[in-house]
């Protein structure tokens, strides 16, 4: 089975590209969505976050993810603390997804993982696709997101490898700034090259 890592900086169009792979019956695992699920429903993670970040627990005893995000992107040490809680749980879920896919004899699977290079996950993948767009397009897309500001975007980008460096490390680059049909052709090109 071929395991493809899909990555790229914030607002580059990773989710759109991952969704297009589904048209080719290629299952995908979204790390951001899984992290969100872990924060919402994993008791072990909840207890550890409550202990490390008590100020993020709201009146209903739930984790305020907006406040948690603001805290960790303002302090690298606290971001590291949160990742220490979440990443072992994420890794387990990712391994389960891969094992199930092997069991069901999938030819190829896609793992959508924003911090693939930053967290040194390269060894887990047969091929790495980087999703890229211009800085102008990236900023425009990012600032349309709920509660996103220029200041917050700058903080997030500070913790991410530059788009240029990611492209240099990629096996394949998909550009999302030239329209959906162009991106679809890029996906087809990748699948043809890999004889899928």
Protein backbone atom coordinates (compact mmCIF):
# COMPACT_ATOMS: atom_id res chain seq x y z
CA UNK A 1 0.00 0.00 0.00
CA UNK A 2 1.24 3.48 -0.87
CA UNK A 3 1.05 6.01 1.97
CA UNK A 4 1.01 9.62 0.79
CA UNK A 5 1.65 12.53 3.12
CA UNK A 6 -0.17 15.73 2.17
CA UNK A 7 1.17 18.91 3.72
CA UNK A 8 1.50 22.64 3.25
CA UNK A 9 1.32 25.82 5.26
CA UNK A 10 -1.90 27.32 6.60
CA UNK A 11 -4.54 28.32 3.99
CA UNK A 12 -2.77 26.67 1.06
CA UNK A 13 -5.76 24.49 0.13
CA UNK A 14 -4.86 21.15 1.73
CA UNK A 15 -8.44 20.27 2.70
CA UNK A 16 -9.70 20.93 -0.83
CA UNK A 17 -6.98 18.75 -2.34
CA UNK A 18 -7.57 15.94 0.19
CA UNK A 19 -11.28 15.97 -0.67
CA UNK A 20 -10.53 15.66 -4.39
CA UNK A 21 -8.59 12.43 -3.79
CA UNK A 22 -11.84 10.86 -2.55
CA UNK A 23 -13.13 10.91 -6.13
CA UNK A 24 -10.48 8.29 -6.86
CA UNK A 25 -11.62 6.14 -3.92
CA UNK A 26 -8.54 7.12 -1.92
CA UNK A 27 -9.27 7.29 1.80
CA UNK A 28 -7.77 10.15 3.77
CA UNK A 29 -6.91 10.84 7.40
CA UNK A 30 -7.13 14.48 8.48
CA UNK A 31 -4.77 15.20 11.39
CA UNK A 32 -6.37 18.57 12.23
CA UNK A 33 -9.83 17.00 12.51
CA UNK A 34 -8.45 14.16 14.61
CA UNK A 35 -6.72 16.61 16.97
CA UNK A 36 -10.03 18.44 17.30
CA UNK A 37 -11.80 15.15 18.08
CA UNK A 38 -9.16 14.22 20.68
CA UNK A 39 -9.55 17.59 22.42
CA UNK A 40 -13.35 17.25 22.43
CA UNK A 41 -13.77 13.62 23.41
CA UNK A 42 -10.61 12.00 24.81
CA UNK A 43 -10.81 11.99 28.63
CA UNK A 44 -7.08 11.43 29.05
CA UNK A 45 -6.29 14.46 26.87
CA UNK A 46 -8.97 16.54 28.60
CA UNK A 47 -7.55 15.83 32.06
CA UNK A 48 -4.02 16.71 30.97
CA UNK A 49 -5.11 19.91 29.21
CA UNK A 50 -7.19 20.91 32.23
CA UNK A 51 -4.13 20.39 34.43
CA UNK A 52 -1.68 22.25 32.15
CA UNK A 53 -4.05 24.94 30.86
CA UNK A 54 -6.68 25.52 33.59
CA UNK A 55 -7.45 28.99 32.22
CA UNK A 56 -8.92 27.41 29.05
CA UNK A 57 -11.73 25.58 30.87
CA UNK A 58 -15.02 27.44 30.44
CA UNK A 59 -18.09 27.66 32.70
CA UNK A 60 -19.49 24.45 31.20
CA UNK A 61 -16.25 22.65 32.06
CA UNK A 62 -15.29 22.39 28.37
CA UNK A 63 -12.04 23.38 26.71
CA UNK A 64 -12.22 26.80 25.05
CA UNK A 65 -10.26 25.98 21.89
CA UNK A 66 -10.05 29.61 20.80
CA UNK A 67 -8.37 30.61 24.05
CA UNK A 68 -6.15 27.52 23.96
CA UNK A 69 -5.02 28.47 20.45
CA UNK A 70 -4.24 32.05 21.49
CA UNK A 71 -2.19 30.84 24.47
CA UNK A 72 -0.06 28.27 22.63
CA UNK A 73 0.71 30.45 19.61
CA UNK A 74 1.93 33.19 21.94
CA UNK A 75 4.29 30.91 23.88
CA UNK A 76 6.46 28.23 22.25
CA UNK A 77 6.94 26.36 25.55
CA UNK A 78 3.20 26.04 26.07
CA UNK A 79 2.72 24.95 22.47
CA UNK A 80 5.28 22.21 23.11
CA UNK A 81 3.39 21.20 26.28
CA UNK A 82 0.16 20.83 24.30
CA UNK A 83 1.84 18.85 21.53
CA UNK A 84 3.32 16.48 24.14
CA UNK A 85 -0.24 15.73 25.25
CA UNK A 86 -1.83 15.45 21.81
CA UNK A 87 0.74 13.94 19.45
CA UNK A 88 1.08 10.48 21.07
CA UNK A 89 -2.72 10.13 20.82
CA UNK A 90 -2.68 11.39 17.23
CA UNK A 91 0.05 8.88 16.33
CA UNK A 92 -2.04 6.01 17.71
CA UNK A 93 -5.07 7.05 15.65
CA UNK A 94 -2.91 7.42 12.54
CA UNK A 95 -1.47 3.93 13.04
CA UNK A 96 -4.97 2.47 13.44
CA UNK A 97 -6.04 4.14 10.17
CA UNK A 98 -3.02 2.73 8.30
CA UNK A 99 -3.48 -0.79 9.73
CA UNK A 100 -7.18 -0.80 8.78
CA UNK A 101 -6.32 0.39 5.29
CA UNK A 102 -3.77 -2.41 4.88
CA UNK A 103 -6.35 -4.93 6.16
CA UNK A 104 -8.89 -3.71 3.58
CA UNK A 105 -6.20 -3.87 0.87
CA UNK A 106 -6.30 -0.24 -0.15
CA UNK A 107 -3.85 0.61 -2.93
CA UNK A 108 -3.18 4.11 -1.62
CA UNK A 109 -4.14 6.29 1.35
CA UNK A 110 -3.63 9.97 2.02
CA UNK A 111 -2.67 11.53 5.35
CA UNK A 112 -3.36 15.27 5.58
CA UNK A 113 -0.75 16.48 8.08
CA UNK A 114 0.09 20.21 8.29
CA UNK A 115 3.28 19.85 10.38
CA UNK A 116 4.75 16.88 8.50
CA UNK A 117 8.23 18.36 8.13
CA UNK A 118 8.21 20.35 11.37
CA UNK A 119 7.54 17.16 13.36
CA UNK A 120 9.86 14.98 11.23
CA UNK A 121 7.19 12.59 9.94
CA UNK A 122 8.89 12.11 6.57
CA UNK A 123 9.82 8.48 7.30
CA UNK A 124 6.14 7.49 7.56
CA UNK A 125 5.38 8.21 3.89
CA UNK A 126 6.22 6.74 0.51
CA UNK A 127 5.55 10.08 -1.18
CA UNK A 128 5.04 13.62 0.09
CA UNK A 129 2.82 16.15 -1.68
CA UNK A 130 3.14 19.82 -0.76
CA UNK A 131 0.16 22.07 -1.48
CA UNK A 132 1.30 25.57 -2.39
CA UNK A 133 -0.05 29.00 -3.35
CA UNK A 134 1.25 32.56 -3.50
CA UNK A 135 1.72 34.52 -0.26
CA UNK A 136 -1.00 36.90 -1.41
CA UNK A 137 -3.48 34.05 -1.96
CA UNK A 138 -2.51 32.41 1.33
CA UNK A 139 -3.06 35.59 3.32
CA UNK A 140 -6.36 36.33 1.59
CA UNK A 141 -7.69 32.84 2.32
CA UNK A 142 -6.43 32.81 5.91
CA UNK A 143 -7.99 36.14 6.83
CA UNK A 144 -11.41 34.88 5.71
CA UNK A 145 -11.30 32.30 8.50
CA UNK A 146 -13.31 32.77 11.66
CA UNK A 147 -11.41 34.80 14.31
CA UNK A 148 -8.24 34.95 12.18
CA UNK A 149 -6.25 38.19 12.32
CA UNK A 150 -3.02 39.30 10.66
CA UNK A 151 -1.26 39.09 14.02
CA UNK A 152 -2.48 35.55 14.68
CA UNK A 153 -1.53 34.48 11.15
CA UNK A 154 2.00 35.83 11.66
CA UNK A 155 2.33 33.82 14.90
CA UNK A 156 1.14 30.62 13.22
CA UNK A 157 3.51 31.07 10.27
CA UNK A 158 6.40 31.61 12.67
CA UNK A 159 6.05 27.98 13.79
CA UNK A 160 5.76 26.59 10.27
CA UNK A 161 8.52 25.82 7.80
CA UNK A 162 8.40 28.24 4.87
CA UNK A 163 6.50 27.28 1.74
CA UNK A 164 9.76 27.46 -0.23
CA UNK A 165 11.51 24.96 2.07
CA UNK A 166 8.53 22.62 2.02
CA UNK A 167 8.45 22.63 -1.78
CA UNK A 168 12.18 21.80 -1.88
CA UNK A 169 11.55 18.73 0.29
CA UNK A 170 8.45 17.52 -1.60
CA UNK A 171 8.19 14.63 -4.05
CA UNK A 172 5.35 16.47 -5.78
CA UNK A 173 3.89 19.99 -5.55
CA UNK A 174 0.26 20.88 -6.23
CA UNK A 175 -0.42 24.58 -6.84
CA UNK A 176 -3.85 25.81 -5.78
CA UNK A 177 -3.68 29.42 -6.92
CA UNK A 178 -4.62 28.83 -10.56
CA UNK A 179 -8.16 27.50 -10.12
CA UNK A 180 -9.78 24.20 -9.19
CA UNK A 181 -9.50 22.63 -12.64
CA UNK A 182 -5.74 23.22 -12.66
CA UNK A 183 -5.42 21.61 -9.21
CA UNK A 184 -7.46 18.62 -10.40
CA UNK A 185 -5.10 18.16 -13.35
CA UNK A 186 -2.16 18.23 -10.93
CA UNK A 187 -3.77 15.45 -8.86
CA UNK A 188 -4.35 13.36 -12.00
CA UNK A 189 -0.74 13.93 -13.01
CA UNK A 190 0.47 12.69 -9.61
CA UNK A 191 -1.73 9.58 -9.80
CA UNK A 192 -0.56 8.83 -13.35
CA UNK A 193 3.10 9.19 -12.41
CA UNK A 194 2.56 6.81 -9.48
CA UNK A 195 0.65 4.41 -11.78
CA UNK A 196 -2.46 4.46 -9.62
